Structure formats: structure tokens, C-alpha cells
């Protein structure tokens, strides 16, 4: 039995209703312009439609799969860098470093262990999850770290007055940003199976695997994400502390 939703007018209607409801709630609740919700929903629709058309061709070739993953990294770096610096130029591209440093070693380790088969159909979805997690950790750490440096400028300057190097003074102020950035993945890992059934588990289950195999796949993904996001958060923190990742208008130092 196919558990996927049928593609047709009903699906379109449901998506429109949900998008409109979310946009209205955001606007009425003073959380921002509802237009952003609509734009995000339309972008998701267009992007997934394009990916759905491309994915069959991509999965037939290891080369195309590698190129597709590289494209994911570029988009993730641009997104995280833009979120941190307010621009997608110059310093924003330092965001590629924590993403690559997190995803590269962990994905290579899983492939070398043969737990993840070296086949496009296995590599692509896991790589996508890993890149997305690294992007989120990078963006959250960088944004929070810069906010801390702005709002706690006096503490930063106090550290300099005590003889700390600029990097060390910045780390004393913004280190907590990395801790907070890891909260979502830690909570997801702690509550998996009790509160949520994440995408990897559901995807493998719908693909015909038994629940034990689906659970093993999800566990591998979650523990991999813990390592990836920890690496990404720490490197992002270092980039902010050394001034390589800074807001376009300055980071308050």
C-alpha cells in the first residue's frame, strides 16, 4: 500500500489552506510579515518540484550525485553565511568551512564503515540531512554569537582590559551561543521515538524496510548529526571570535 499523499487538486488545496493559516497567524501574532511564510512555501514548492524531476537522473550516476551534494553545500553555506553576516558576499562564505568540516569526515567515516552503502540512493538523502543539520548549527551559532558580542560589549572590553587576547575575550562572551545551537539536535535525539518519528525512520519504513532497520538508520543519522553539529558549532564560534565571520555593518568590536 502506498502511504504517500496523492498528487492532485486536494493536495494543492490543503497546502494553500495551511500556508494561509500560518501566514495569518504570524501576521496577527506580530511575529513578522505573513508574506515571508507565503514566499517560503512557494519556494519550497518550486524547489521540491524541480528536485523531484531531477532526482531520478541524479540517482543514476555517482558523479551527478556528488555534484548535487556539492550544490547542497553551496546553498547551505550561502544561507548560513547570509543569516550570520546579513550578506551573501565576502565574509559570508566562511560559513562553508564549518559545514564541510562537519559533514565531510562524518559522511566519509560512515561510507568507509560500509554502514551506509556507496550508492547514490543511500548517500544522497543522508548527505542532505547532514548538510541541513550543519547549516542550522552554523547559522544559529554565528547569529547568537554576534548578538552576544553586541549586547555584552562591556564584558568583551573588560576582558581586553584584563589582558585577554581579542579571540579569548570574544570566546568568554559568546561561547554559550554554541551550547544553545546544539539544543535542538540534543532534544531531538533524547526524544526520538517518544515525541517524534524523524524523516529517516519514516522514509526507510515507507521504503519497505522493517521497523528495526528503520530504527537503526535513524539512530545512525541522529548520532552522526550530533557529531556534525558539534564540529560546525565549534568552528563557527572560532570564526566569529577571530573576526572572520562578522555582520556586514560590524560586530560591535
C-alpha atoms as a PDB file:
ATOM      1  CA  UNK A   1       0.000   0.000   0.000  1.00  0.00           C
ATOM      2  CA  UNK A   2       1.344   3.432  -0.971  1.00  0.00           C
ATOM      3  CA  UNK A   3       1.396   5.685   2.102  1.00  0.00           C
ATOM      4  CA  UNK A   4       2.400   8.829   0.205  1.00  0.00           C
ATOM      5  CA  UNK A   5      -0.229  11.554  -0.324  1.00  0.00           C
ATOM      6  CA  UNK A   6      -1.862  11.549  -3.737  1.00  0.00           C
ATOM      7  CA  UNK A   7      -0.641  14.349  -6.010  1.00  0.00           C
ATOM      8  CA  UNK A   8      -3.642  16.300  -7.219  1.00  0.00           C
ATOM      9  CA  UNK A   9      -6.065  19.175  -6.543  1.00  0.00           C
ATOM     10  CA  UNK A  10      -6.740  18.050  -2.959  1.00  0.00           C
ATOM     11  CA  UNK A  11      -3.042  18.209  -2.072  1.00  0.00           C
ATOM     12  CA  UNK A  12      -2.803  21.692  -3.576  1.00  0.00           C
ATOM     13  CA  UNK A  13      -5.867  22.880  -1.658  1.00  0.00           C
ATOM     14  CA  UNK A  14      -4.567  21.538   1.665  1.00  0.00           C
ATOM     15  CA  UNK A  15      -1.169  23.182   1.143  1.00  0.00           C
ATOM     16  CA  UNK A  16      -2.770  26.533   0.301  1.00  0.00           C
ATOM     17  CA  UNK A  17      -5.003  26.398   3.404  1.00  0.00           C
ATOM     18  CA  UNK A  18      -2.087  25.526   5.699  1.00  0.00           C
ATOM     19  CA  UNK A  19       0.128  28.248   4.199  1.00  0.00           C
ATOM     20  CA  UNK A  20      -2.601  30.865   4.520  1.00  0.00           C
ATOM     21  CA  UNK A  21      -3.277  29.853   8.132  1.00  0.00           C
ATOM     22  CA  UNK A  22       0.416  30.057   9.038  1.00  0.00           C
ATOM     23  CA  UNK A  23       0.821  33.450   7.336  1.00  0.00           C
ATOM     24  CA  UNK A  24      -2.270  34.838   9.062  1.00  0.00           C
ATOM     25  CA  UNK A  25      -1.149  33.635  12.490  1.00  0.00           C
ATOM     26  CA  UNK A  26       2.340  35.094  12.004  1.00  0.00           C
ATOM     27  CA  UNK A  27       0.890  38.448  10.978  1.00  0.00           C
ATOM     28  CA  UNK A  28      -1.803  38.670  13.660  1.00  0.00           C
ATOM     29  CA  UNK A  29       0.606  37.479  16.325  1.00  0.00           C
ATOM     30  CA  UNK A  30       3.132  40.180  15.483  1.00  0.00           C
ATOM     31  CA  UNK A  31       5.800  37.603  14.593  1.00  0.00           C
ATOM     32  CA  UNK A  32       6.634  39.271  11.312  1.00  0.00           C
ATOM     33  CA  UNK A  33       5.103  39.791   7.880  1.00  0.00           C
ATOM     34  CA  UNK A  34       2.949  36.900   6.717  1.00  0.00           C
ATOM     35  CA  UNK A  35       4.405  37.413   3.256  1.00  0.00           C
ATOM     36  CA  UNK A  36       7.597  35.634   4.351  1.00  0.00           C
ATOM     37  CA  UNK A  37       5.619  32.485   5.134  1.00  0.00           C
ATOM     38  CA  UNK A  38       3.981  32.569   1.702  1.00  0.00           C
ATOM     39  CA  UNK A  39       7.301  33.144  -0.049  1.00  0.00           C
ATOM     40  CA  UNK A  40       8.917  30.280   1.881  1.00  0.00           C
ATOM     41  CA  UNK A  41       6.037  27.953   0.970  1.00  0.00           C
ATOM     42  CA  UNK A  42       6.193  28.912  -2.714  1.00  0.00           C
ATOM     43  CA  UNK A  43       9.960  28.465  -2.791  1.00  0.00           C
ATOM     44  CA  UNK A  44       9.641  25.044  -1.169  1.00  0.00           C
ATOM     45  CA  UNK A  45       7.031  24.030  -3.737  1.00  0.00           C
ATOM     46  CA  UNK A  46       9.136  25.176  -6.698  1.00  0.00           C
ATOM     47  CA  UNK A  47      12.351  23.694  -5.332  1.00  0.00           C
ATOM     48  CA  UNK A  48      10.843  20.311  -4.499  1.00  0.00           C
ATOM     49  CA  UNK A  49       9.146  20.169  -7.886  1.00  0.00           C
ATOM     50  CA  UNK A  50      12.483  20.788  -9.582  1.00  0.00           C
ATOM     51  CA  UNK A  51      14.279  18.279  -7.358  1.00  0.00           C
ATOM     52  CA  UNK A  52      11.594  15.661  -7.998  1.00  0.00           C
ATOM     53  CA  UNK A  53      12.182  15.999 -11.726  1.00  0.00           C
ATOM     54  CA  UNK A  54      15.976  15.894 -11.364  1.00  0.00           C
ATOM     55  CA  UNK A  55      16.357  13.247  -8.710  1.00  0.00           C
ATOM     56  CA  UNK A  56      15.771  10.233 -10.955  1.00  0.00           C
ATOM     57  CA  UNK A  57      18.572  11.312 -13.289  1.00  0.00           C
ATOM     58  CA  UNK A  58      20.855  12.271 -10.412  1.00  0.00           C
ATOM     59  CA  UNK A  59      20.473   8.915  -8.680  1.00  0.00           C
ATOM     60  CA  UNK A  60      21.556   7.042 -11.814  1.00  0.00           C
ATOM     61  CA  UNK A  61      25.074   8.486 -11.631  1.00  0.00           C
ATOM     62  CA  UNK A  62      27.599   8.728  -8.812  1.00  0.00           C
ATOM     63  CA  UNK A  63      29.104  11.794 -10.488  1.00  0.00           C
ATOM     64  CA  UNK A  64      25.797  13.623 -10.683  1.00  0.00           C
ATOM     65  CA  UNK A  65      25.078  12.664  -7.060  1.00  0.00           C
ATOM     66  CA  UNK A  66      28.408  14.142  -5.945  1.00  0.00           C
ATOM     67  CA  UNK A  67      27.676  17.316  -7.902  1.00  0.00           C
ATOM     68  CA  UNK A  68      24.217  17.537  -6.351  1.00  0.00           C
ATOM     69  CA  UNK A  69      25.685  17.191  -2.838  1.00  0.00           C
ATOM     70  CA  UNK A  70      28.234  19.903  -3.669  1.00  0.00           C
ATOM     71  CA  UNK A  71      25.347  22.137  -4.723  1.00  0.00           C
ATOM     72  CA  UNK A  72      23.664  21.461  -1.375  1.00  0.00           C
ATOM     73  CA  UNK A  73      26.798  22.607   0.429  1.00  0.00           C
ATOM     74  CA  UNK A  74      26.999  25.814  -1.627  1.00  0.00           C
ATOM     75  CA  UNK A  75      23.363  26.687  -0.926  1.00  0.00           C
ATOM     76  CA  UNK A  76      23.763  25.808   2.779  1.00  0.00           C
ATOM     77  CA  UNK A  77      26.868  27.992   3.066  1.00  0.00           C
ATOM     78  CA  UNK A  78      25.134  30.904   1.342  1.00  0.00           C
ATOM     79  CA  UNK A  79      22.083  30.530   3.581  1.00  0.00           C
ATOM     80  CA  UNK A  80      24.023  30.257   6.849  1.00  0.00           C
ATOM     81  CA  UNK A  81      26.521  32.945   5.857  1.00  0.00           C
ATOM     82  CA  UNK A  82      23.752  35.301   4.814  1.00  0.00           C
ATOM     83  CA  UNK A  83      21.918  34.697   8.077  1.00  0.00           C
ATOM     84  CA  UNK A  84      25.054  35.456  10.102  1.00  0.00           C
ATOM     85  CA  UNK A  85      26.518  38.414   8.215  1.00  0.00           C
ATOM     86  CA  UNK A  86      23.433  39.872   6.565  1.00  0.00           C
ATOM     87  CA  UNK A  87      25.021  39.423   3.137  1.00  0.00           C
ATOM     88  CA  UNK A  88      25.930  36.606   0.781  1.00  0.00           C
ATOM     89  CA  UNK A  89      29.241  38.158  -0.215  1.00  0.00           C
ATOM     90  CA  UNK A  90      32.713  38.365   1.250  1.00  0.00           C
ATOM     91  CA  UNK A  91      32.950  37.007   4.776  1.00  0.00           C
ATOM     92  CA  UNK A  92      29.668  35.111   4.454  1.00  0.00           C
ATOM     93  CA  UNK A  93      31.453  32.335   2.544  1.00  0.00           C
ATOM     94  CA  UNK A  94      33.487  31.430   5.616  1.00  0.00           C
ATOM     95  CA  UNK A  95      30.294  29.575   6.581  1.00  0.00           C
ATOM     96  CA  UNK A  96      31.268  26.866   4.106  1.00  0.00           C
ATOM     97  CA  UNK A  97      34.160  25.833   6.355  1.00  0.00           C
ATOM     98  CA  UNK A  98      32.169  24.597   9.387  1.00  0.00           C
ATOM     99  CA  UNK A  99      29.659  22.867   7.117  1.00  0.00           C
ATOM    100  CA  UNK A 100      32.338  20.994   5.171  1.00  0.00           C
ATOM    101  CA  UNK A 101      34.394  20.268   8.287  1.00  0.00           C
ATOM    102  CA  UNK A 102      31.355  18.726   9.958  1.00  0.00           C
ATOM    103  CA  UNK A 103      29.789  16.792   7.099  1.00  0.00           C
ATOM    104  CA  UNK A 104      32.939  15.616   5.278  1.00  0.00           C
ATOM    105  CA  UNK A 105      34.631  13.484   7.960  1.00  0.00           C
ATOM    106  CA  UNK A 106      31.415  12.005   9.361  1.00  0.00           C
ATOM    107  CA  UNK A 107      29.986  11.050   5.978  1.00  0.00           C
ATOM    108  CA  UNK A 108      33.355   9.628   4.863  1.00  0.00           C
ATOM    109  CA  UNK A 109      33.566   7.593   8.093  1.00  0.00           C
ATOM    110  CA  UNK A 110      30.078   6.133   7.589  1.00  0.00           C
ATOM    111  CA  UNK A 111      30.856   5.240   3.977  1.00  0.00           C
ATOM    112  CA  UNK A 112      34.174   3.663   4.967  1.00  0.00           C
ATOM    113  CA  UNK A 113      32.412   1.601   7.620  1.00  0.00           C
ATOM    114  CA  UNK A 114      30.016   0.285   4.893  1.00  0.00           C
ATOM    115  CA  UNK A 115      27.059   1.003   7.185  1.00  0.00           C
ATOM    116  CA  UNK A 116      25.997   3.484   4.513  1.00  0.00           C
ATOM    117  CA  UNK A 117      26.309   1.770   1.113  1.00  0.00           C
ATOM    118  CA  UNK A 118      28.319   3.639  -1.502  1.00  0.00           C
ATOM    119  CA  UNK A 119      25.258   4.008  -3.723  1.00  0.00           C
ATOM    120  CA  UNK A 120      23.613   7.278  -4.774  1.00  0.00           C
ATOM    121  CA  UNK A 121      20.216   6.237  -3.426  1.00  0.00           C
ATOM    122  CA  UNK A 122      21.758   5.781   0.039  1.00  0.00           C
ATOM    123  CA  UNK A 123      24.294   8.616   0.039  1.00  0.00           C
ATOM    124  CA  UNK A 124      22.139  11.460  -1.248  1.00  0.00           C
ATOM    125  CA  UNK A 125      19.389  11.528   1.413  1.00  0.00           C
ATOM    126  CA  UNK A 126      21.803  11.103   4.313  1.00  0.00           C
ATOM    127  CA  UNK A 127      24.143  13.751   2.919  1.00  0.00           C
ATOM    128  CA  UNK A 128      21.178  16.100   2.607  1.00  0.00           C
ATOM    129  CA  UNK A 129      20.188  15.575   6.242  1.00  0.00           C
ATOM    130  CA  UNK A 130      23.777  16.090   7.383  1.00  0.00           C
ATOM    131  CA  UNK A 131      24.277  19.271   5.336  1.00  0.00           C
ATOM    132  CA  UNK A 132      20.999  20.668   6.628  1.00  0.00           C
ATOM    133  CA  UNK A 133      21.988  19.986  10.236  1.00  0.00           C
ATOM    134  CA  UNK A 134      25.408  21.600   9.782  1.00  0.00           C
ATOM    135  CA  UNK A 135      23.796  24.633   8.150  1.00  0.00           C
ATOM    136  CA  UNK A 136      21.409  25.092  11.070  1.00  0.00           C
ATOM    137  CA  UNK A 137      24.137  24.728  13.703  1.00  0.00           C
ATOM    138  CA  UNK A 138      26.382  27.173  11.835  1.00  0.00           C
ATOM    139  CA  UNK A 139      23.657  29.789  11.365  1.00  0.00           C
ATOM    140  CA  UNK A 140      22.383  29.585  14.942  1.00  0.00           C
ATOM    141  CA  UNK A 141      25.844  29.677  16.492  1.00  0.00           C
ATOM    142  CA  UNK A 142      27.044  32.561  14.339  1.00  0.00           C
ATOM    143  CA  UNK A 143      23.934  34.680  14.759  1.00  0.00           C
ATOM    144  CA  UNK A 144      23.748  34.156  18.519  1.00  0.00           C
ATOM    145  CA  UNK A 145      27.481  34.721  18.969  1.00  0.00           C
ATOM    146  CA  UNK A 146      27.364  38.072  17.159  1.00  0.00           C
ATOM    147  CA  UNK A 147      24.289  39.070  19.162  1.00  0.00           C
ATOM    148  CA  UNK A 148      26.123  38.262  22.389  1.00  0.00           C
ATOM    149  CA  UNK A 149      29.133  40.312  21.333  1.00  0.00           C
ATOM    150  CA  UNK A 150      26.882  43.290  20.632  1.00  0.00           C
ATOM    151  CA  UNK A 151      24.779  43.139  23.775  1.00  0.00           C
ATOM    152  CA  UNK A 152      27.672  42.249  26.097  1.00  0.00           C
ATOM    153  CA  UNK A 153      30.246  44.586  24.621  1.00  0.00           C
ATOM    154  CA  UNK A 154      31.219  45.807  28.069  1.00  0.00           C
ATOM    155  CA  UNK A 155      32.223  42.303  29.131  1.00  0.00           C
ATOM    156  CA  UNK A 156      34.258  41.879  25.977  1.00  0.00           C
ATOM    157  CA  UNK A 157      36.080  45.156  26.563  1.00  0.00           C
ATOM    158  CA  UNK A 158      36.548  44.206  30.211  1.00  0.00           C
ATOM    159  CA  UNK A 159      38.291  41.011  29.089  1.00  0.00           C
ATOM    160  CA  UNK A 160      40.601  43.044  26.873  1.00  0.00           C
ATOM    161  CA  UNK A 161      41.351  45.359  29.789  1.00  0.00           C
ATOM    162  CA  UNK A 162      42.372  42.337  31.862  1.00  0.00           C
ATOM    163  CA  UNK A 163      44.893  41.362  29.199  1.00  0.00           C
ATOM    164  CA  UNK A 164      42.952  38.751  27.235  1.00  0.00           C
ATOM    165  CA  UNK A 165      43.568  38.489  23.519  1.00  0.00           C
ATOM    166  CA  UNK A 166      40.612  39.608  21.339  1.00  0.00           C
ATOM    167  CA  UNK A 167      39.852  35.990  20.412  1.00  0.00           C
ATOM    168  CA  UNK A 168      39.864  34.804  24.022  1.00  0.00           C
ATOM    169  CA  UNK A 169      37.778  37.745  25.215  1.00  0.00           C
ATOM    170  CA  UNK A 170      35.225  37.067  22.470  1.00  0.00           C
ATOM    171  CA  UNK A 171      35.029  33.369  23.342  1.00  0.00           C
ATOM    172  CA  UNK A 172      34.381  34.185  27.008  1.00  0.00           C
ATOM    173  CA  UNK A 173      31.369  36.228  25.920  1.00  0.00           C
ATOM    174  CA  UNK A 174      29.872  34.132  23.129  1.00  0.00           C
ATOM    175  CA  UNK A 175      30.744  30.515  23.963  1.00  0.00           C
ATOM    176  CA  UNK A 176      27.220  29.914  25.249  1.00  0.00           C
ATOM    177  CA  UNK A 177      25.928  30.516  21.725  1.00  0.00           C
ATOM    178  CA  UNK A 178      27.341  27.147  20.645  1.00  0.00           C
ATOM    179  CA  UNK A 179      25.668  25.440  23.599  1.00  0.00           C
ATOM    180  CA  UNK A 180      22.283  26.898  22.655  1.00  0.00           C
ATOM    181  CA  UNK A 181      22.756  25.986  18.995  1.00  0.00           C
ATOM    182  CA  UNK A 182      23.088  22.309  19.930  1.00  0.00           C
ATOM    183  CA  UNK A 183      19.856  22.244  21.968  1.00  0.00           C
ATOM    184  CA  UNK A 184      17.564  21.268  19.031  1.00  0.00           C
ATOM    185  CA  UNK A 185      19.614  18.239  17.945  1.00  0.00           C
ATOM    186  CA  UNK A 186      20.139  17.164  21.557  1.00  0.00           C
ATOM    187  CA  UNK A 187      16.413  17.374  22.281  1.00  0.00           C
ATOM    188  CA  UNK A 188      15.577  15.544  19.058  1.00  0.00           C
ATOM    189  CA  UNK A 189      17.989  12.753  19.961  1.00  0.00           C
ATOM    190  CA  UNK A 190      16.712  12.491  23.541  1.00  0.00           C
ATOM    191  CA  UNK A 191      13.059  12.294  22.487  1.00  0.00           C
ATOM    192  CA  UNK A 192      13.290  10.298  19.260  1.00  0.00           C
ATOM    193  CA  UNK A 193      10.601   7.628  19.169  1.00  0.00           C
ATOM    194  CA  UNK A 194       8.792   9.209  22.119  1.00  0.00           C
ATOM    195  CA  UNK A 195       7.840  12.608  20.720  1.00  0.00           C
ATOM    196  CA  UNK A 196       8.757  12.400  17.033  1.00  0.00           C
ATOM    197  CA  UNK A 197       9.434   9.842  14.323  1.00  0.00           C
ATOM    198  CA  UNK A 198      12.056  11.676  12.236  1.00  0.00           C
ATOM    199  CA  UNK A 199      12.313  11.647   8.468  1.00  0.00           C
ATOM    200  CA  UNK A 200      14.974   8.985   8.060  1.00  0.00           C
ATOM    201  CA  UNK A 201      12.965   6.496  10.116  1.00  0.00           C
ATOM    202  CA  UNK A 202       9.743   7.193   8.245  1.00  0.00           C
ATOM    203  CA  UNK A 203      11.462   7.199   4.851  1.00  0.00           C
ATOM    204  CA  UNK A 204      13.173   3.845   5.368  1.00  0.00           C
ATOM    205  CA  UNK A 205       9.965   2.372   6.775  1.00  0.00           C
ATOM    206  CA  UNK A 206       7.930   3.562   3.788  1.00  0.00           C
ATOM    207  CA  UNK A 207      10.648   2.193   1.529  1.00  0.00           C
ATOM    208  CA  UNK A 208       9.822  -1.328   2.681  1.00  0.00           C
ATOM    209  CA  UNK A 209      12.369  -1.941   5.464  1.00  0.00           C
ATOM    210  CA  UNK A 210      11.288  -3.441   8.759  1.00  0.00           C
ATOM    211  CA  UNK A 211      10.998  -1.202  11.870  1.00  0.00           C
ATOM    212  CA  UNK A 212      14.296  -2.443  13.344  1.00  0.00           C
ATOM    213  CA  UNK A 213      16.224  -1.489  10.192  1.00  0.00           C
ATOM    214  CA  UNK A 214      14.434   1.873  10.098  1.00  0.00           C
ATOM    215  CA  UNK A 215      15.327   2.497  13.737  1.00  0.00           C
ATOM    216  CA  UNK A 216      18.980   1.593  13.138  1.00  0.00           C
ATOM    217  CA  UNK A 217      19.144   4.002  10.190  1.00  0.00           C
ATOM    218  CA  UNK A 218      17.596   6.808  12.201  1.00  0.00           C
ATOM    219  CA  UNK A 219      19.978   6.206  15.109  1.00  0.00           C
ATOM    220  CA  UNK A 220      22.939   6.372  12.745  1.00  0.00           C
ATOM    221  CA  UNK A 221      21.674   9.657  11.329  1.00  0.00           C
ATOM    222  CA  UNK A 222      20.992  11.225  14.732  1.00  0.00           C
ATOM    223  CA  UNK A 223      24.340  10.303  16.254  1.00  0.00           C
ATOM    224  CA  UNK A 224      26.055  11.468  13.069  1.00  0.00           C
ATOM    225  CA  UNK A 225      24.205  14.774  13.355  1.00  0.00           C
ATOM    226  CA  UNK A 226      25.378  15.202  16.936  1.00  0.00           C
ATOM    227  CA  UNK A 227      28.994  14.952  15.807  1.00  0.00           C
ATOM    228  CA  UNK A 228      28.469  17.135  12.728  1.00  0.00           C
ATOM    229  CA  UNK A 229      26.652  19.913  14.538  1.00  0.00           C
ATOM    230  CA  UNK A 230      29.182  19.922  17.381  1.00  0.00           C
ATOM    231  CA  UNK A 231      32.015  20.363  14.860  1.00  0.00           C
ATOM    232  CA  UNK A 232      30.111  23.023  12.916  1.00  0.00           C
ATOM    233  CA  UNK A 233      29.186  24.972  16.059  1.00  0.00           C
ATOM    234  CA  UNK A 234      32.746  24.983  17.427  1.00  0.00           C
ATOM    235  CA  UNK A 235      34.319  26.074  14.143  1.00  0.00           C
ATOM    236  CA  UNK A 236      31.682  28.783  13.645  1.00  0.00           C
ATOM    237  CA  UNK A 237      32.381  30.049  17.146  1.00  0.00           C
ATOM    238  CA  UNK A 238      36.081  30.223  16.325  1.00  0.00           C
ATOM    239  CA  UNK A 239      35.384  32.099  13.073  1.00  0.00           C
ATOM    240  CA  UNK A 240      33.255  34.668  14.910  1.00  0.00           C
ATOM    241  CA  UNK A 241      35.781  35.051  17.742  1.00  0.00           C
ATOM    242  CA  UNK A 242      38.604  35.695  15.269  1.00  0.00           C
ATOM    243  CA  UNK A 243      36.529  38.173  13.230  1.00  0.00           C
ATOM    244  CA  UNK A 244      36.338  36.083  10.070  1.00  0.00           C
ATOM    245  CA  UNK A 245      32.554  35.828  10.331  1.00  0.00           C
ATOM    246  CA  UNK A 246      31.114  39.223  11.213  1.00  0.00           C
ATOM    247  CA  UNK A 247      27.990  41.187  10.408  1.00  0.00           C
ATOM    248  CA  UNK A 248      28.268  43.416   7.372  1.00  0.00           C
ATOM    249  CA  UNK A 249      27.752  46.525   9.480  1.00  0.00           C
ATOM    250  CA  UNK A 250      30.271  45.358  12.082  1.00  0.00           C
ATOM    251  CA  UNK A 251      30.014  43.004  15.023  1.00  0.00           C
ATOM    252  CA  UNK A 252      30.313  45.512  17.800  1.00  0.00           C
ATOM    253  CA  UNK A 253      34.014  45.030  18.460  1.00  0.00           C
END
